[in-house]
C-alpha atoms as a PDB file:
ATOM      1  CA  MET A   1      46.453 255.100  16.788  1.00  0.00           C
ATOM      2  CA  ASN A   2      45.757 258.496  18.670  1.00  0.00           C
ATOM      3  CA  ALA A   3      44.778 258.855  22.175  1.00  0.00           C
ATOM      4  CA  TYR A   4      40.931 259.319  21.423  1.00  0.00           C
ATOM      5  CA  GLU A   5      40.963 255.919  19.434  1.00  0.00           C
ATOM      6  CA  ARG A   6      42.794 254.275  22.231  1.00  0.00           C
ATOM      7  CA  LEU A   7      39.938 255.552  24.463  1.00  0.00           C
ATOM      8  CA  LEU A   8      37.290 253.923  22.544  1.00  0.00           C
ATOM      9  CA  ARG A   9      38.858 250.815  22.143  1.00  0.00           C
ATOM     10  CA  ALA A  10      39.689 250.615  26.032  1.00  0.00           C
ATOM     11  CA  GLY A  11      35.868 249.867  26.591  1.00  0.00           C
ATOM     12  CA  GLY A  12      35.169 248.747  30.110  1.00  0.00           C
ATOM     13  CA  ASN A  13      34.694 251.605  32.561  1.00  0.00           C
ATOM     14  CA  MET A  14      35.631 254.294  29.788  1.00  0.00           C
ATOM     15  CA  GLY A  15      32.490 253.975  27.869  1.00  0.00           C
ATOM     16  CA  GLN A  16      31.840 256.093  24.639  1.00  0.00           C
ATOM     17  CA  ILE A  17      33.769 259.312  24.585  1.00  0.00           C
ATOM     18  CA  ASP A  18      31.818 262.118  22.939  1.00  0.00           C
ATOM     19  CA  ILE A  19      33.974 264.772  21.154  1.00  0.00           C
ATOM     20  CA  LEU A  20      32.151 268.231  20.699  1.00  0.00           C
ATOM     21  CA  GLY A  21      31.706 269.449  17.156  1.00  0.00           C
ATOM     22  CA  ASP A  22      31.098 267.949  13.544  1.00  0.00           C
ATOM     23  CA  VAL A  23      32.146 264.404  12.368  1.00  0.00           C
ATOM     24  CA  ALA A  24      35.641 264.777  11.567  1.00  0.00           C
ATOM     25  CA  ALA A  25      38.067 262.740   9.069  1.00  0.00           C
ATOM     26  CA  MET A  26      41.736 263.094   8.757  1.00  0.00           C
ATOM     27  CA  VAL A  27      42.542 265.415   5.835  1.00  0.00           C
ATOM     28  CA  THR A  28      43.925 262.714   3.623  1.00  0.00           C
ATOM     29  CA  GLU A  29      40.595 260.843   4.190  1.00  0.00           C
ATOM     30  CA  ALA A  30      38.260 263.579   3.702  1.00  0.00           C
ATOM     31  CA  ASP A  31      35.470 263.702   1.151  1.00  0.00           C
ATOM     32  CA  LYS A  32      33.100 266.472   0.477  1.00  0.00           C
ATOM     33  CA  GLY A  33      30.697 267.219   3.268  1.00  0.00           C
ATOM     34  CA  ILE A  34      32.946 265.891   6.127  1.00  0.00           C
ATOM     35  CA  THR A  35      34.613 268.397   8.320  1.00  0.00           C
ATOM     36  CA  THR A  36      38.429 268.096   7.928  1.00  0.00           C
ATOM     37  CA  TYR A  37      41.132 268.501  10.567  1.00  0.00           C
ATOM     38  CA  THR A  38      44.885 267.905  10.947  1.00  0.00           C
ATOM     39  CA  GLU A  39      46.110 265.198  13.376  1.00  0.00           C
ATOM     40  CA  SER A  40      47.114 267.190  16.619  1.00  0.00           C
ATOM     41  CA  GLY A  41      49.578 265.023  17.854  1.00  0.00           C
ATOM     42  CA  TYR A  42      47.709 263.822  20.990  1.00  0.00           C
ATOM     43  CA  LYS A  43      48.964 260.422  21.858  1.00  0.00           C
ATOM     44  CA  LEU A  44      48.279 259.967  25.771  1.00  0.00           C
ATOM     45  CA  ALA A  45      45.172 260.244  27.791  1.00  0.00           C
ATOM     46  CA  ASP A  46      45.226 260.874  31.706  1.00  0.00           C
ATOM     47  CA  LYS A  47      42.289 260.826  34.007  1.00  0.00           C
ATOM     48  CA  THR A  48      43.050 263.956  36.055  1.00  0.00           C
ATOM     49  CA  TYR A  49      41.304 266.986  37.597  1.00  0.00           C
ATOM     50  CA  VAL A  50      40.693 270.597  36.481  1.00  0.00           C
ATOM     51  CA  GLY A  51      40.319 273.042  39.257  1.00  0.00           C
ATOM     52  CA  LEU A  52      37.862 275.729  38.796  1.00  0.00           C
ATOM     53  CA  GLY A  53      38.933 277.983  41.630  1.00  0.00           C
ATOM     54  CA  THR A  54      37.758 279.134  44.857  1.00  0.00           C
ATOM     55  CA  ALA A  55      34.006 280.228  45.234  1.00  0.00           C
ATOM     56  CA  THR A  56      34.166 283.200  47.562  1.00  0.00           C
ATOM     57  CA  GLY A  57      31.624 285.873  48.475  1.00  0.00           C
ATOM     58  CA  ILE A  58      28.509 283.846  47.429  1.00  0.00           C
ATOM     59  CA  VAL A  59      26.228 286.099  49.350  1.00  0.00           C
ATOM     60  CA  MET A  60      22.544 286.023  49.661  1.00  0.00           C
ATOM     61  CA  ASN A  61      20.929 288.663  47.688  1.00  0.00           C
ATOM     62  CA  PRO A  62      17.044 288.778  47.362  1.00  0.00           C
ATOM     63  CA  PRO A  63      15.376 287.556  45.514  1.00  0.00           C
ATOM     64  CA  GLY A  64      16.686 284.129  44.992  1.00  0.00           C
ATOM     65  CA  GLY A  65      20.417 284.774  45.488  1.00  0.00           C
ATOM     66  CA  LEU A  66      23.302 286.551  43.804  1.00  0.00           C
ATOM     67  CA  ASP A  67      25.111 284.440  40.858  1.00  0.00           C
ATOM     68  CA  ILE A  68      28.843 284.015  40.534  1.00  0.00           C
ATOM     69  CA  THR A  69      30.548 282.672  37.778  1.00  0.00           C
ATOM     70  CA  LEU A  70      33.706 280.603  37.795  1.00  0.00           C
ATOM     71  CA  ASN A  71      35.779 280.440  34.500  1.00  0.00           C
ATOM     72  CA  GLN A  72      38.434 277.931  33.537  1.00  0.00           C
ATOM     73  CA  PRO A  73      40.265 277.666  30.399  1.00  0.00           C
ATOM     74  CA  VAL A  74      42.078 274.425  29.389  1.00  0.00           C
ATOM     75  CA  VAL A  75      45.499 273.961  27.845  1.00  0.00           C
ATOM     76  CA  THR A  76      44.754 270.361  26.367  1.00  0.00           C
ATOM     77  CA  PRO A  77      41.473 268.990  25.554  1.00  0.00           C
ATOM     78  CA  PHE A  78      39.513 267.769  28.593  1.00  0.00           C
ATOM     79  CA  LYS A  79      36.454 265.420  28.607  1.00  0.00           C
ATOM     80  CA  PRO A  80      34.691 266.189  32.094  1.00  0.00           C
ATOM     81  CA  LEU A  81      33.005 263.253  33.599  1.00  0.00           C
ATOM     82  CA  LEU A  82      32.389 264.466  37.160  1.00  0.00           C
ATOM     83  CA  LEU A  83      31.718 267.645  38.999  1.00  0.00           C
ATOM     84  CA  CYS A  84      33.134 267.775  42.406  1.00  0.00           C
ATOM     85  CA  ILE A  85      31.643 270.178  45.111  1.00  0.00           C
ATOM     86  CA  PRO A  86      32.486 269.645  48.627  1.00  0.00           C
ATOM     87  CA  SER A  87      29.549 268.145  50.571  1.00  0.00           C
ATOM     88  CA  TRP A  88      30.022 270.513  53.478  1.00  0.00           C
ATOM     89  CA  ALA A  89      29.766 273.547  51.255  1.00  0.00           C
ATOM     90  CA  ALA A  90      26.593 272.245  49.116  1.00  0.00           C
ATOM     91  CA  PRO A  91      23.686 272.788  51.225  1.00  0.00           C
ATOM     92  CA  GLY A  92      21.751 275.934  49.708  1.00  0.00           C
ATOM     93  CA  ILE A  93      24.185 276.280  46.725  1.00  0.00           C
ATOM     94  CA  MET A  94      22.434 275.843  43.215  1.00  0.00           C
ATOM     95  CA  VAL A  95      24.220 275.210  39.784  1.00  0.00           C
ATOM     96  CA  VAL A  96      22.462 277.586  37.551  1.00  0.00           C
ATOM     97  CA  GLY A  97      24.605 277.063  34.514  1.00  0.00           C
ATOM     98  CA  CYS A  98      27.440 275.334  33.114  1.00  0.00           C
ATOM     99  CA  GLN A  99      28.927 276.132  29.513  1.00  0.00           C
ATOM    100  CA  ILE A 100      31.275 274.774  27.503  1.00  0.00           C
ATOM    101  CA  GLY A 101      32.081 276.599  24.393  1.00  0.00           C
ATOM    102  CA  PRO A 102      28.823 277.460  22.851  1.00  0.00           C
ATOM    103  CA  THR A 103      26.834 274.566  24.651  1.00  0.00           C
ATOM    104  CA  GLN A 104      24.787 275.401  27.831  1.00  0.00           C
ATOM    105  CA  LEU A 105      24.459 272.104  29.693  1.00  0.00           C
ATOM    106  CA  ILE A 106      22.085 272.975  32.433  1.00  0.00           C
ATOM    107  CA  ASP A 107      18.390 273.009  31.296  1.00  0.00           C
ATOM    108  CA  GLY A 108      15.400 274.148  33.236  1.00  0.00           C
ATOM    109  CA  GLN A 109      15.638 275.068  36.841  1.00  0.00           C
ATOM    110  CA  PRO A 110      18.707 275.491  38.826  1.00  0.00           C
ATOM    111  CA  ILE A 111      20.219 272.165  40.176  1.00  0.00           C
ATOM    112  CA  PRO A 112      21.197 271.596  43.707  1.00  0.00           C
ATOM    113  CA  ALA A 113      24.876 271.457  44.402  1.00  0.00           C
ATOM    114  CA  ASP A 114      24.170 268.194  46.551  1.00  0.00           C
ATOM    115  CA  VAL A 115      23.823 266.419  43.186  1.00  0.00           C
ATOM    116  CA  PHE A 116      27.755 266.899  42.357  1.00  0.00           C
ATOM    117  CA  THR A 117      29.189 266.303  45.863  1.00  0.00           C
ATOM    118  CA  GLU A 118      31.729 263.507  46.601  1.00  0.00           C
ATOM    119  CA  VAL A 119      28.982 261.449  48.411  1.00  0.00           C
ATOM    120  CA  ALA A 120      26.370 261.815  45.789  1.00  0.00           C
ATOM    121  CA  ASN A 121      25.250 258.557  43.875  1.00  0.00           C
ATOM    122  CA  SER A 122      24.304 260.266  40.607  1.00  0.00           C
ATOM    123  CA  ALA A 123      27.249 262.767  40.079  1.00  0.00           C
ATOM    124  CA  ASN A 124      28.445 261.135  36.730  1.00  0.00           C
ATOM    125  CA  PHE A 125      27.485 262.611  33.419  1.00  0.00           C
ATOM    126  CA  SER A 126      28.944 262.856  29.866  1.00  0.00           C
ATOM    127  CA  TRP A 127      29.361 266.415  28.791  1.00  0.00           C
ATOM    128  CA  PRO A 128      31.333 267.570  25.677  1.00  0.00           C
ATOM    129  CA  THR A 129      34.978 267.877  25.358  1.00  0.00           C
ATOM    130  CA  VAL A 130      36.342 271.086  26.203  1.00  0.00           C
ATOM    131  CA  GLU A 131      38.977 272.259  23.476  1.00  0.00           C
ATOM    132  CA  MET A 132      41.760 274.227  23.812  1.00  0.00           C
ATOM    133  CA  SER A 133      40.063 277.565  22.706  1.00  0.00           C
ATOM    134  CA  GLN A 134      37.192 276.907  25.082  1.00  0.00           C
ATOM    135  CA  SER A 135      36.640 277.639  28.833  1.00  0.00           C
ATOM    136  CA  ILE A 136      34.237 275.640  31.347  1.00  0.00           C
ATOM    137  CA  ASN A 137      32.065 278.302  32.886  1.00  0.00           C
ATOM    138  CA  LEU A 138      30.022 277.446  35.951  1.00  0.00           C
ATOM    139  CA  VAL A 139      27.485 279.669  37.439  1.00  0.00           C
ATOM    140  CA  LEU A 140      26.517 279.113  41.214  1.00  0.00           C
ATOM    141  CA  ARG A 141      23.698 280.738  43.394  1.00  0.00           C
ATOM    142  CA  ASN A 142      23.572 280.871  47.147  1.00  0.00           C
ATOM    143  CA  THR A 143      19.801 280.293  48.245  1.00  0.00           C
ATOM    144  CA  ASN A 144      20.643 280.084  51.906  1.00  0.00           C
ATOM    145  CA  ALA A 145      20.788 282.921  54.325  1.00  0.00           C
ATOM    146  CA  VAL A 146      24.227 282.034  55.513  1.00  0.00           C
ATOM    147  CA  VAL A 147      27.241 282.814  53.538  1.00  0.00           C
ATOM    148  CA  PRO A 148      29.411 279.904  53.110  1.00  0.00           C
ATOM    149  CA  ASP A 149      33.216 279.659  53.675  1.00  0.00           C
ATOM    150  CA  PRO A 150      35.202 279.728  50.541  1.00  0.00           C
ATOM    151  CA  PHE A 151      35.362 276.406  48.808  1.00  0.00           C
ATOM    152  CA  ASN A 152      37.139 274.933  45.853  1.00  0.00           C
ATOM    153  CA  ILE A 153      35.414 273.017  42.915  1.00  0.00           C
ATOM    154  CA  ALA A 154      37.006 270.794  40.354  1.00  0.00           C
ATOM    155  CA  PHE A 155      36.015 268.523  37.333  1.00  0.00           C
ATOM    156  CA  TYR A 156      37.406 265.074  37.136  1.00  0.00           C
ATOM    157  CA  GLY A 157      37.919 263.895  33.604  1.00  0.00           C
ATOM    158  CA  ILE A 158      40.010 262.764  30.838  1.00  0.00           C
ATOM    159  CA  ARG A 159      42.868 264.834  29.530  1.00  0.00           C
ATOM    160  CA  LEU A 160      44.611 264.345  26.146  1.00  0.00           C
ATOM    161  CA  ARG A 161      48.287 265.100  25.971  1.00  0.00           C
ATOM    162  CA  LYS A 162      51.087 264.848  23.845  1.00  0.00           C
END
């Protein structure tokens, strides 16, 4: 049994885990019309953090602010469950976009960073798994007249490993 199957059987607080992409079956079980893959050998899963780096120089630039993009590739598949932005840095910061592979995860207008702080009540989400060939791209905008001190951002989630 691979790590993904164990996560599904764990139930309880783990919930359903979504894997980005087509329905897949092992090569030996594949029929026409099903995407195939070769077992990657991931046997273990950990709850861990992936740091996106330091947001620096988020200056106010009329109209509406200057966007900065934080980009972080992953070394093993990672399922983000929680975005962590420090509450002291969040006022006036907007999450303009978040992209994993080809999937844009923020629709509509920018979302206040306050939604993703350590004290937020609604910070949990279920976004696609970040595959090894993909990166997490997070776009932030400062709508405040004050330039915040540099701050670090991280995702909390499930990482597969061999």
